Amino acid sequence: MFNDCSSILALLKTRRSGRPRDLVAPGPSAEQLHQIFEIAARTPDHGKLHPWRFVHVGADRRDAFAGLLQAAYRLDNPQPGRLEVEANERFAHQAPALIVALSSPTPDHKIPVWEQQLSCGAACMNLLTAAHALGYAGAWVTGWAAYSDAVLTAFGAPPERIAGFIFVGTPGTELEERLRPDLAEVISEWVVQKSGVNFT
């Protein structure tokens, strides 16, 4: 189907996450973001429910996002320390592009919620791969804000959940390769056990 499968495989083999704080300008343009979202949407989706959403937080909304984080954090930590305040501020302003990924399942549907959640994770992975293909690096992170009801309220409502914050930009430093699992530890051949169960 593809004329140069080796190039595609090489691209996939080099995808690595970047640290959000190390992602710098330039970030993806509006047209590139549209491409990234198009590819993210091409994900396995049993039932055609698209049980996920992406919310782009534009550069002009980062200050408001920082304010949201600070207010939400204070609900459980009324007197945060200086370092905590600074950490929330940095989180809100790092990397040129910020996308909030939401798991948005349809409850009481014949498609189990677990399968819908898996589709959300696959969509996030597609997004990261698309960003990589365009020459950017991405970082999919969670942290306390992903589990904050107050932060969720700003982006959606239950049964939705924040699947993560995806930061995208140009690597400001060389991306570090991390240790990958030994394939022998995660791949095996199924062996039929003599359990007395009649398969015929």
N, C-alpha and C. Protein backbone atom coordinates (compact mmCIF):
# COMPACT_ATOMS: atom_id res chain seq x y z
N MET A 1 0.83 -1.20 0.00
CA MET A 1 0.00 0.00 0.00
C MET A 1 0.86 1.25 0.00
N PHE A 2 1.96 1.22 0.75
CA PHE A 2 2.85 2.37 0.83
C PHE A 2 4.12 2.09 0.03
N ASN A 3 4.61 3.10 -0.63
CA ASN A 3 5.81 2.93 -1.46
C ASN A 3 7.06 2.77 -0.63
N ASP A 4 7.06 3.34 0.58
CA ASP A 4 8.28 3.31 1.39
C ASP A 4 7.94 2.93 2.82
N CYS A 5 7.60 1.65 3.00
CA CYS A 5 7.25 1.17 4.33
C CYS A 5 8.41 1.31 5.30
N SER A 6 9.64 1.17 4.80
CA SER A 6 10.80 1.23 5.69
C SER A 6 10.89 2.60 6.35
N SER A 7 10.55 3.66 5.63
CA SER A 7 10.59 5.01 6.20
C SER A 7 9.53 5.18 7.28
N ILE A 8 8.36 4.60 7.03
CA ILE A 8 7.28 4.69 8.01
C ILE A 8 7.65 3.93 9.27
N LEU A 9 8.20 2.75 9.10
CA LEU A 9 8.60 1.95 10.26
C LEU A 9 9.73 2.64 11.03
N ALA A 10 10.65 3.26 10.31
CA ALA A 10 11.75 3.97 10.97
C ALA A 10 11.20 5.14 11.77
N LEU A 11 10.20 5.83 11.21
CA LEU A 11 9.57 6.94 11.91
C LEU A 11 8.93 6.45 13.20
N LEU A 12 8.18 5.36 13.12
CA LEU A 12 7.50 4.84 14.29
C LEU A 12 8.49 4.38 15.36
N LYS A 13 9.62 3.84 14.92
CA LYS A 13 10.63 3.37 15.87
C LYS A 13 11.32 4.50 16.61
N THR A 14 11.24 5.72 16.07
CA THR A 14 11.93 6.84 16.71
C THR A 14 11.01 7.72 17.54
N ARG A 15 9.72 7.35 17.64
CA ARG A 15 8.82 8.19 18.44
C ARG A 15 9.18 8.09 19.91
N ARG A 16 9.40 9.21 20.52
CA ARG A 16 9.72 9.28 21.94
C ARG A 16 8.98 10.46 22.54
N SER A 17 8.64 10.35 23.79
CA SER A 17 8.01 11.47 24.48
C SER A 17 9.07 12.48 24.89
N GLY A 18 8.67 13.74 24.91
CA GLY A 18 9.55 14.79 25.41
C GLY A 18 9.07 15.27 26.75
N ARG A 19 9.92 15.90 27.50
CA ARG A 19 9.48 16.52 28.75
C ARG A 19 8.75 17.81 28.40
N PRO A 20 7.57 18.03 28.95
CA PRO A 20 6.82 19.25 28.61
C PRO A 20 7.64 20.52 28.77
N ARG A 21 8.45 20.59 29.82
CA ARG A 21 9.22 21.81 30.07
C ARG A 21 10.31 22.03 29.03
N ASP A 22 10.66 20.98 28.28
CA ASP A 22 11.72 21.09 27.27
C ASP A 22 11.17 21.31 25.86
N LEU A 23 9.84 21.41 25.72
CA LEU A 23 9.23 21.61 24.41
C LEU A 23 9.09 23.12 24.16
N VAL A 24 9.69 23.58 23.10
CA VAL A 24 9.76 25.02 22.83
C VAL A 24 9.12 25.34 21.48
N ALA A 25 9.05 26.63 21.17
CA ALA A 25 8.54 27.08 19.89
C ALA A 25 9.55 26.73 18.80
N PRO A 26 9.08 26.53 17.56
CA PRO A 26 7.67 26.65 17.16
C PRO A 26 6.86 25.42 17.51
N GLY A 27 5.56 25.64 17.67
CA GLY A 27 4.62 24.55 17.84
C GLY A 27 3.83 24.38 16.57
N PRO A 28 2.94 23.44 16.53
CA PRO A 28 2.15 23.20 15.33
C PRO A 28 1.25 24.39 14.99
N SER A 29 1.13 24.66 13.70
CA SER A 29 0.24 25.72 13.22
C SER A 29 -1.21 25.23 13.33
N ALA A 30 -2.15 26.12 13.08
CA ALA A 30 -3.57 25.74 13.12
C ALA A 30 -3.84 24.63 12.10
N GLU A 31 -3.24 24.73 10.93
CA GLU A 31 -3.43 23.71 9.90
C GLU A 31 -2.84 22.37 10.34
N GLN A 32 -1.67 22.43 10.96
CA GLN A 32 -1.04 21.19 11.44
C GLN A 32 -1.83 20.57 12.58
N LEU A 33 -2.37 21.41 13.47
CA LEU A 33 -3.21 20.88 14.54
C LEU A 33 -4.42 20.16 13.97
N HIS A 34 -4.99 20.72 12.91
CA HIS A 34 -6.13 20.08 12.26
C HIS A 34 -5.73 18.70 11.73
N GLN A 35 -4.56 18.62 11.12
CA GLN A 35 -4.05 17.33 10.64
C GLN A 35 -3.87 16.35 11.80
N ILE A 36 -3.31 16.85 12.88
CA ILE A 36 -3.07 16.00 14.05
C ILE A 36 -4.39 15.45 14.59
N PHE A 37 -5.41 16.29 14.66
CA PHE A 37 -6.71 15.84 15.16
C PHE A 37 -7.37 14.87 14.19
N GLU A 38 -7.19 15.09 12.89
CA GLU A 38 -7.74 14.16 11.90
C GLU A 38 -7.16 12.76 12.08
N ILE A 39 -5.85 12.70 12.31
CA ILE A 39 -5.20 11.40 12.48
C ILE A 39 -5.57 10.79 13.83
N ALA A 40 -5.70 11.63 14.86
CA ALA A 40 -6.11 11.12 16.17
C ALA A 40 -7.47 10.43 16.08
N ALA A 41 -8.34 10.97 15.24
CA ALA A 41 -9.69 10.42 15.12
C ALA A 41 -9.74 9.09 14.37
N ARG A 42 -8.65 8.73 13.68
CA ARG A 42 -8.61 7.46 12.95
C ARG A 42 -8.14 6.36 13.89
N THR A 43 -8.96 6.07 14.86
CA THR A 43 -8.58 5.12 15.90
C THR A 43 -9.63 4.03 16.01
N PRO A 44 -9.29 2.83 16.47
CA PRO A 44 -10.31 1.81 16.68
C PRO A 44 -11.43 2.35 17.59
N ASP A 45 -12.66 2.16 17.17
CA ASP A 45 -13.80 2.76 17.87
C ASP A 45 -15.01 1.84 17.71
N HIS A 46 -15.04 0.79 18.52
CA HIS A 46 -16.13 -0.18 18.47
C HIS A 46 -17.45 0.52 18.75
N GLY A 47 -18.36 0.46 17.80
CA GLY A 47 -19.66 1.11 17.98
C GLY A 47 -19.74 2.50 17.38
N LYS A 48 -18.62 2.99 16.87
CA LYS A 48 -18.58 4.34 16.26
C LYS A 48 -19.13 5.39 17.22
N LEU A 49 -18.67 5.33 18.45
CA LEU A 49 -19.17 6.24 19.49
C LEU A 49 -18.27 7.46 19.68
N HIS A 50 -17.07 7.44 19.08
CA HIS A 50 -16.02 8.43 19.37
C HIS A 50 -16.07 8.85 20.84
N PRO A 51 -15.73 7.91 21.74
CA PRO A 51 -15.84 8.16 23.17
C PRO A 51 -14.65 8.94 23.73
N TRP A 52 -14.28 10.01 23.06
CA TRP A 52 -13.18 10.86 23.48
C TRP A 52 -13.36 12.22 22.83
N ARG A 53 -12.79 13.21 23.47
CA ARG A 53 -12.80 14.58 22.95
C ARG A 53 -11.45 15.21 23.22
N PHE A 54 -11.10 16.19 22.39
CA PHE A 54 -9.89 16.95 22.60
C PHE A 54 -10.24 18.43 22.70
N VAL A 55 -9.70 19.09 23.70
CA VAL A 55 -9.92 20.53 23.87
C VAL A 55 -8.57 21.22 23.77
N HIS A 56 -8.45 22.09 22.78
CA HIS A 56 -7.20 22.84 22.59
C HIS A 56 -7.23 24.08 23.47
N VAL A 57 -6.19 24.26 24.25
CA VAL A 57 -6.06 25.46 25.10
C VAL A 57 -5.08 26.39 24.40
N GLY A 58 -5.59 27.42 23.76
CA GLY A 58 -4.76 28.33 22.99
C GLY A 58 -3.80 29.14 23.84
N ALA A 59 -2.81 29.70 23.19
CA ALA A 59 -1.80 30.49 23.91
C ALA A 59 -2.43 31.64 24.68
N ASP A 60 -3.49 32.21 24.14
CA ASP A 60 -4.14 33.34 24.79
C ASP A 60 -5.02 32.91 25.96
N ARG A 61 -5.12 31.59 26.20
CA ARG A 61 -5.93 31.08 27.32
C ARG A 61 -5.07 30.45 28.41
N ARG A 62 -3.78 30.51 28.24
CA ARG A 62 -2.91 29.84 29.23
C ARG A 62 -2.97 30.52 30.60
N ASP A 63 -3.06 31.85 30.63
CA ASP A 63 -3.17 32.54 31.92
C ASP A 63 -4.44 32.12 32.65
N ALA A 64 -5.53 32.00 31.90
CA ALA A 64 -6.79 31.57 32.50
C ALA A 64 -6.69 30.13 32.99
N PHE A 65 -5.99 29.30 32.23
CA PHE A 65 -5.78 27.92 32.64
C PHE A 65 -4.96 27.86 33.92
N ALA A 66 -3.94 28.70 34.00
CA ALA A 66 -3.13 28.77 35.23
C ALA A 66 -4.00 29.17 36.42
N GLY A 67 -4.88 30.15 36.20
CA GLY A 67 -5.78 30.57 37.27
C GLY A 67 -6.69 29.44 37.72
N LEU A 68 -7.17 28.66 36.75
CA LEU A 68 -8.01 27.51 37.07
C LEU A 68 -7.25 26.51 37.93
N LEU A 69 -6.02 26.21 37.54
CA LEU A 69 -5.22 25.25 38.31
C LEU A 69 -4.97 25.74 39.73
N GLN A 70 -4.63 27.00 39.86
CA GLN A 70 -4.35 27.54 41.20
C GLN A 70 -5.60 27.47 42.08
N ALA A 71 -6.75 27.83 41.53
CA ALA A 71 -7.99 27.81 42.31
C ALA A 71 -8.37 26.38 42.67
N ALA A 72 -8.24 25.46 41.71
CA ALA A 72 -8.60 24.07 41.97
C ALA A 72 -7.66 23.45 43.00
N TYR A 73 -6.38 23.77 42.92
CA TYR A 73 -5.40 23.23 43.86
C TYR A 73 -5.70 23.68 45.28
N ARG A 74 -6.14 24.92 45.42
CA ARG A 74 -6.41 25.47 46.75
C ARG A 74 -7.65 24.85 47.41
N LEU A 75 -8.48 24.20 46.64
CA LEU A 75 -9.64 23.54 47.24
C LEU A 75 -9.21 22.44 48.21
N ASP A 76 -8.13 21.75 47.88
CA ASP A 76 -7.62 20.70 48.76
C ASP A 76 -6.38 21.13 49.53
N ASN A 77 -5.80 22.26 49.10
CA ASN A 77 -4.59 22.77 49.75
C ASN A 77 -4.76 24.27 49.96
N PRO A 78 -5.52 24.66 50.99
CA PRO A 78 -5.87 26.07 51.18
C PRO A 78 -4.68 27.03 51.30
N GLN A 79 -3.56 26.51 51.77
CA GLN A 79 -2.39 27.37 51.93
C GLN A 79 -1.18 26.73 51.22
N PRO A 80 -1.18 26.75 49.90
CA PRO A 80 -0.07 26.12 49.17
C PRO A 80 1.23 26.87 49.37
N GLY A 81 2.31 26.15 49.32
CA GLY A 81 3.62 26.77 49.42
C GLY A 81 4.02 27.43 48.12
N ARG A 82 5.06 28.23 48.18
CA ARG A 82 5.54 28.95 47.00
C ARG A 82 5.90 28.00 45.87
N LEU A 83 6.58 26.90 46.20
CA LEU A 83 6.99 25.96 45.17
C LEU A 83 5.80 25.30 44.48
N GLU A 84 4.75 25.03 45.26
CA GLU A 84 3.55 24.44 44.67
C GLU A 84 2.88 25.41 43.70
N VAL A 85 2.79 26.66 44.11
CA VAL A 85 2.19 27.69 43.26
C VAL A 85 3.00 27.84 41.97
N GLU A 86 4.30 27.88 42.10
CA GLU A 86 5.16 28.03 40.93
C GLU A 86 5.06 26.81 40.01
N ALA A 87 4.93 25.62 40.59
CA ALA A 87 4.82 24.41 39.78
C ALA A 87 3.54 24.42 38.96
N ASN A 88 2.44 24.86 39.56
CA ASN A 88 1.18 24.95 38.82
C ASN A 88 1.26 25.98 37.70
N GLU A 89 1.95 27.07 37.98
CA GLU A 89 2.10 28.12 36.97
C GLU A 89 2.94 27.61 35.79
N ARG A 90 4.02 26.91 36.09
CA ARG A 90 4.87 26.35 35.02
C ARG A 90 4.09 25.33 34.20
N PHE A 91 3.33 24.50 34.87
CA PHE A 91 2.56 23.47 34.18
C PHE A 91 1.63 24.11 33.15
N ALA A 92 1.00 25.18 33.52
CA ALA A 92 0.02 25.82 32.65
C ALA A 92 0.64 26.47 31.43
N HIS A 93 1.90 26.87 31.52
CA HIS A 93 2.52 27.66 30.46
C HIS A 93 3.58 26.91 29.64
N GLN A 94 3.83 25.64 29.95
CA GLN A 94 4.90 24.94 29.24
C GLN A 94 4.42 24.47 27.86
N ALA A 95 5.38 24.41 26.93
CA ALA A 95 5.17 23.92 25.56
C ALA A 95 4.26 24.86 24.77
N PRO A 96 4.48 24.97 23.46
CA PRO A 96 3.67 25.86 22.63
C PRO A 96 2.20 25.45 22.51
N ALA A 97 1.93 24.14 22.49
CA ALA A 97 0.55 23.68 22.31
C ALA A 97 0.13 22.79 23.47
N LEU A 98 -1.11 22.98 23.90
CA LEU A 98 -1.66 22.17 24.98
C LEU A 98 -3.04 21.66 24.56
N ILE A 99 -3.21 20.35 24.67
CA ILE A 99 -4.48 19.71 24.33
C ILE A 99 -4.93 18.90 25.54
N VAL A 100 -6.15 19.13 25.96
CA VAL A 100 -6.72 18.36 27.06
C VAL A 100 -7.51 17.21 26.45
N ALA A 101 -7.11 15.98 26.75
CA ALA A 101 -7.79 14.79 26.23
C ALA A 101 -8.82 14.32 27.24
N LEU A 102 -10.02 14.09 26.76
CA LEU A 102 -11.10 13.67 27.62
C LEU A 102 -11.66 12.32 27.19
N SER A 103 -11.75 11.40 28.14
CA SER A 103 -12.47 10.16 27.92
C SER A 103 -13.94 10.51 28.06
N SER A 104 -14.72 10.24 27.01
CA SER A 104 -16.12 10.68 26.98
C SER A 104 -17.03 9.50 26.62
N PRO A 105 -17.17 8.54 27.54
CA PRO A 105 -17.92 7.32 27.22
C PRO A 105 -19.43 7.54 27.20
N THR A 106 -20.10 6.64 26.51
CA THR A 106 -21.56 6.58 26.52
C THR A 106 -21.97 5.47 27.47
N PRO A 107 -22.48 5.82 28.66
CA PRO A 107 -22.82 4.78 29.64
C PRO A 107 -24.03 3.96 29.17
N ASP A 108 -24.20 2.81 29.78
CA ASP A 108 -25.36 1.95 29.52
C ASP A 108 -25.52 1.63 28.04
N HIS A 109 -24.40 1.51 27.36
CA HIS A 109 -24.41 1.14 25.94
C HIS A 109 -23.93 -0.30 25.82
N LYS A 110 -24.28 -0.93 24.71
CA LYS A 110 -23.85 -2.33 24.54
C LYS A 110 -22.34 -2.45 24.44
N ILE A 111 -21.67 -1.35 24.04
CA ILE A 111 -20.21 -1.35 24.03
C ILE A 111 -19.73 -1.06 25.44
N PRO A 112 -19.01 -1.96 26.08
CA PRO A 112 -18.57 -1.74 27.47
C PRO A 112 -17.74 -0.46 27.60
N VAL A 113 -17.87 0.18 28.73
CA VAL A 113 -17.13 1.41 28.99
C VAL A 113 -15.63 1.17 28.87
N TRP A 114 -15.18 -0.02 29.29
CA TRP A 114 -13.75 -0.33 29.21
C TRP A 114 -13.26 -0.24 27.77
N GLU A 115 -14.04 -0.76 26.82
CA GLU A 115 -13.65 -0.68 25.42
C GLU A 115 -13.63 0.77 24.94
N GLN A 116 -14.55 1.56 25.43
CA GLN A 116 -14.59 2.98 25.07
C GLN A 116 -13.37 3.73 25.62
N GLN A 117 -12.96 3.35 26.82
CA GLN A 117 -11.77 3.97 27.40
C GLN A 117 -10.52 3.58 26.63
N LEU A 118 -10.46 2.32 26.18
CA LEU A 118 -9.33 1.89 25.37
C LEU A 118 -9.26 2.71 24.08
N SER A 119 -10.41 3.01 23.50
CA SER A 119 -10.44 3.81 22.28
C SER A 119 -9.88 5.20 22.53
N CYS A 120 -10.17 5.76 23.69
CA CYS A 120 -9.63 7.08 24.05
C CYS A 120 -8.11 7.02 24.12
N GLY A 121 -7.58 5.98 24.76
CA GLY A 121 -6.13 5.85 24.84
C GLY A 121 -5.50 5.71 23.46
N ALA A 122 -6.16 4.96 22.58
CA ALA A 122 -5.65 4.79 21.22
C ALA A 122 -5.67 6.12 20.47
N ALA A 123 -6.70 6.93 20.69
CA ALA A 123 -6.78 8.24 20.03
C ALA A 123 -5.64 9.15 20.49
N CYS A 124 -5.33 9.08 21.78
CA CYS A 124 -4.21 9.89 22.30
C CYS A 124 -2.89 9.44 21.68
N MET A 125 -2.72 8.12 21.52
CA MET A 125 -1.49 7.62 20.91
C MET A 125 -1.40 8.06 19.46
N ASN A 126 -2.52 8.01 18.73
CA ASN A 126 -2.53 8.49 17.35
C ASN A 126 -2.12 9.95 17.27
N LEU A 127 -2.61 10.73 18.23
CA LEU A 127 -2.27 12.15 18.26
C LEU A 127 -0.77 12.35 18.42
N LEU A 128 -0.18 11.61 19.34
CA LEU A 128 1.26 11.73 19.57
C LEU A 128 2.06 11.30 18.35
N THR A 129 1.60 10.25 17.68
CA THR A 129 2.29 9.77 16.49
C THR A 129 2.21 10.79 15.37
N ALA A 130 1.05 11.41 15.21
CA ALA A 130 0.88 12.44 14.17
C ALA A 130 1.78 13.64 14.45
N ALA A 131 1.87 14.04 15.70
CA ALA A 131 2.75 15.16 16.06
C ALA A 131 4.20 14.82 15.73
N HIS A 132 4.59 13.59 16.02
CA HIS A 132 5.95 13.14 15.73
C HIS A 132 6.22 13.15 14.23
N ALA A 133 5.24 12.70 13.44
CA ALA A 133 5.40 12.65 12.00
C ALA A 133 5.58 14.04 11.41
N LEU A 134 5.05 15.05 12.08
CA LEU A 134 5.18 16.44 11.61
C LEU A 134 6.46 17.10 12.13
N GLY A 135 7.25 16.35 12.87
CA GLY A 135 8.52 16.89 13.35
C GLY A 135 8.49 17.46 14.75
N TYR A 136 7.39 17.27 15.45
CA TYR A 136 7.29 17.77 16.82
C TYR A 136 7.44 16.62 17.81
N ALA A 137 7.50 16.98 19.07
CA ALA A 137 7.50 15.98 20.14
C ALA A 137 6.29 16.26 21.01
N GLY A 138 5.79 15.21 21.62
CA GLY A 138 4.64 15.35 22.49
C GLY A 138 4.91 14.75 23.86
N ALA A 139 4.11 15.17 24.81
CA ALA A 139 4.20 14.63 26.17
C ALA A 139 2.77 14.47 26.69
N TRP A 140 2.44 13.26 27.06
CA TRP A 140 1.10 12.94 27.59
C TRP A 140 1.26 12.74 29.09
N VAL A 141 0.73 13.67 29.87
CA VAL A 141 0.92 13.62 31.31
C VAL A 141 -0.42 13.75 32.03
N THR A 142 -0.41 13.35 33.29
CA THR A 142 -1.63 13.47 34.11
C THR A 142 -1.34 14.37 35.31
N GLY A 143 -1.05 13.78 36.45
CA GLY A 143 -0.83 14.59 37.66
C GLY A 143 -2.14 14.88 38.36
N TRP A 144 -2.05 15.63 39.44
CA TRP A 144 -3.23 15.87 40.27
C TRP A 144 -4.37 16.51 39.49
N ALA A 145 -4.04 17.37 38.53
CA ALA A 145 -5.08 18.12 37.82
C ALA A 145 -5.98 17.20 36.99
N ALA A 146 -5.45 16.07 36.55
CA ALA A 146 -6.25 15.14 35.75
C ALA A 146 -7.32 14.47 36.59
N TYR A 147 -7.16 14.49 37.91
CA TYR A 147 -8.11 13.84 38.80
C TYR A 147 -8.91 14.83 39.63
N SER A 148 -8.80 16.10 39.29
CA SER A 148 -9.50 17.15 40.02
C SER A 148 -10.89 17.37 39.43
N ASP A 149 -11.91 17.26 40.27
CA ASP A 149 -13.28 17.52 39.81
C ASP A 149 -13.43 18.97 39.36
N ALA A 150 -12.73 19.87 40.03
CA ALA A 150 -12.84 21.29 39.68
C ALA A 150 -12.24 21.56 38.31
N VAL A 151 -11.13 20.92 37.99
CA VAL A 151 -10.52 21.10 36.68
C VAL A 151 -11.40 20.45 35.61
N LEU A 152 -11.93 19.27 35.90
CA LEU A 152 -12.82 18.61 34.94
C LEU A 152 -14.01 19.50 34.60
N THR A 153 -14.57 20.17 35.60
CA THR A 153 -15.74 21.01 35.37
C THR A 153 -15.49 22.08 34.31
N ALA A 154 -14.24 22.50 34.18
CA ALA A 154 -13.92 23.54 33.19
C ALA A 154 -13.87 22.99 31.77
N PHE A 155 -13.81 21.66 31.64
CA PHE A 155 -13.66 21.05 30.32
C PHE A 155 -14.79 20.09 29.95
N GLY A 156 -15.49 19.58 30.95
CA GLY A 156 -16.55 18.63 30.69
C GLY A 156 -17.28 18.30 31.97
N ALA A 157 -17.92 17.14 32.00
CA ALA A 157 -18.69 16.73 33.17
C ALA A 157 -18.76 15.21 33.20
N PRO A 158 -18.92 14.63 34.41
CA PRO A 158 -19.05 13.19 34.50
C PRO A 158 -20.18 12.68 33.60
N PRO A 159 -20.04 11.52 32.98
CA PRO A 159 -19.03 10.49 33.23
C PRO A 159 -17.70 10.73 32.52
N GLU A 160 -17.52 11.92 31.94
CA GLU A 160 -16.24 12.20 31.31
C GLU A 160 -15.14 12.26 32.37
N ARG A 161 -13.92 11.95 31.92
CA ARG A 161 -12.75 12.07 32.78
C ARG A 161 -11.62 12.64 31.94
N ILE A 162 -10.73 13.35 32.60
CA ILE A 162 -9.55 13.86 31.89
C ILE A 162 -8.57 12.70 31.72
N ALA A 163 -8.32 12.35 30.45
CA ALA A 163 -7.38 11.26 30.16
C ALA A 163 -5.94 11.75 30.25
N GLY A 164 -5.75 13.04 30.13
CA GLY A 164 -4.40 13.59 30.24
C GLY A 164 -4.28 14.93 29.57
N PHE A 165 -3.14 15.56 29.81
CA PHE A 165 -2.78 16.82 29.18
C PHE A 165 -1.66 16.50 28.20
N ILE A 166 -1.88 16.83 26.94
CA ILE A 166 -0.90 16.51 25.91
C ILE A 166 -0.24 17.80 25.45
N PHE A 167 1.05 17.91 25.72
CA PHE A 167 1.84 19.08 25.33
C PHE A 167 2.59 18.75 24.05
N VAL A 168 2.63 19.71 23.13
CA VAL A 168 3.29 19.49 21.84
C VAL A 168 4.17 20.69 21.51
N GLY A 169 5.36 20.42 21.03
CA GLY A 169 6.26 21.49 20.61
C GLY A 169 7.52 20.93 20.00
N THR A 170 8.47 21.79 19.76
CA THR A 170 9.76 21.40 19.21
C THR A 170 10.70 21.03 20.35
N PRO A 171 11.38 19.90 20.27
CA PRO A 171 12.31 19.54 21.36
C PRO A 171 13.39 20.60 21.54
N GLY A 172 13.51 21.12 22.74
CA GLY A 172 14.54 22.10 23.03
C GLY A 172 15.86 21.46 23.38
N THR A 173 15.81 20.18 23.71
CA THR A 173 17.00 19.39 23.99
C THR A 173 16.83 18.04 23.29
N GLU A 174 17.91 17.31 23.15
CA GLU A 174 17.82 16.00 22.51
C GLU A 174 16.95 15.08 23.35
N LEU A 175 16.01 14.42 22.68
CA LEU A 175 15.12 13.52 23.39
C LEU A 175 15.90 12.30 23.87
N GLU A 176 15.66 11.92 25.10
CA GLU A 176 16.37 10.78 25.68
C GLU A 176 15.60 9.50 25.40
N GLU A 177 16.31 8.50 24.92
CA GLU A 177 15.68 7.19 24.74
C GLU A 177 15.60 6.51 26.09
N ARG A 178 14.45 5.98 26.41
CA ARG A 178 14.31 5.26 27.68
C ARG A 178 14.36 3.77 27.43
N LEU A 179 14.56 3.05 28.50
CA LEU A 179 14.64 1.60 28.41
C LEU A 179 13.29 1.04 28.01
N ARG A 180 13.25 0.24 26.98
CA ARG A 180 12.03 -0.41 26.53
C ARG A 180 12.01 -1.85 27.05
N PRO A 181 10.82 -2.43 27.18
CA PRO A 181 10.76 -3.80 27.72
C PRO A 181 11.39 -4.80 26.78
N ASP A 182 12.00 -5.81 27.36
CA ASP A 182 12.50 -6.93 26.59
C ASP A 182 11.27 -7.63 26.01
N LEU A 183 11.22 -7.79 24.68
CA LEU A 183 10.04 -8.37 24.06
C LEU A 183 9.73 -9.76 24.60
N ALA A 184 10.75 -10.48 25.03
CA ALA A 184 10.52 -11.81 25.59
C ALA A 184 9.70 -11.75 26.88
N GLU A 185 9.70 -10.59 27.53
CA GLU A 185 8.95 -10.44 28.78
C GLU A 185 7.48 -10.13 28.53
N VAL A 186 7.16 -9.63 27.35
CA VAL A 186 5.78 -9.17 27.11
C VAL A 186 5.10 -9.90 25.96
N ILE A 187 5.80 -10.80 25.29
CA ILE A 187 5.22 -11.53 24.17
C ILE A 187 5.44 -13.02 24.39
N SER A 188 4.40 -13.80 24.14
CA SER A 188 4.51 -15.26 24.27
C SER A 188 3.56 -15.91 23.29
N GLU A 189 3.74 -17.18 23.09
CA GLU A 189 2.85 -17.99 22.26
C GLU A 189 1.90 -18.73 23.19
N TRP A 190 0.61 -18.74 22.82
CA TRP A 190 -0.37 -19.43 23.65
C TRP A 190 -0.16 -20.94 23.55
N VAL A 191 -0.18 -21.59 24.69
CA VAL A 191 -0.04 -23.04 24.75
C VAL A 191 -1.32 -23.61 25.35
N VAL A 192 -1.92 -24.53 24.65
CA VAL A 192 -3.16 -25.15 25.15
C VAL A 192 -2.82 -26.08 26.31
N GLN A 193 -3.45 -25.82 27.44
CA GLN A 193 -3.21 -26.64 28.62
C GLN A 193 -4.19 -27.80 28.67
N LYS A 194 -3.74 -28.95 29.14
CA LYS A 194 -4.65 -30.08 29.32
C LYS A 194 -5.40 -29.91 30.64
N SER A 195 -6.50 -29.20 30.55
CA SER A 195 -7.24 -28.87 31.78
C SER A 195 -8.46 -29.75 31.97
N GLY A 196 -8.68 -30.64 31.05
CA GLY A 196 -9.88 -31.45 31.18
C GLY A 196 -11.09 -30.83 30.50
N VAL A 197 -10.94 -29.63 29.99
CA VAL A 197 -12.04 -28.96 29.31
C VAL A 197 -12.14 -29.50 27.89
N ASN A 198 -13.33 -29.86 27.47
CA ASN A 198 -13.54 -30.40 26.14
C ASN A 198 -13.77 -29.24 25.17
N PHE A 199 -12.87 -29.04 24.20
CA PHE A 199 -12.97 -27.94 23.25
C PHE A 199 -13.75 -28.36 21.99
N THR A 200 -14.17 -29.60 21.93
CA THR A 200 -14.84 -30.07 20.71
C THR A 200 -16.34 -29.92 20.83
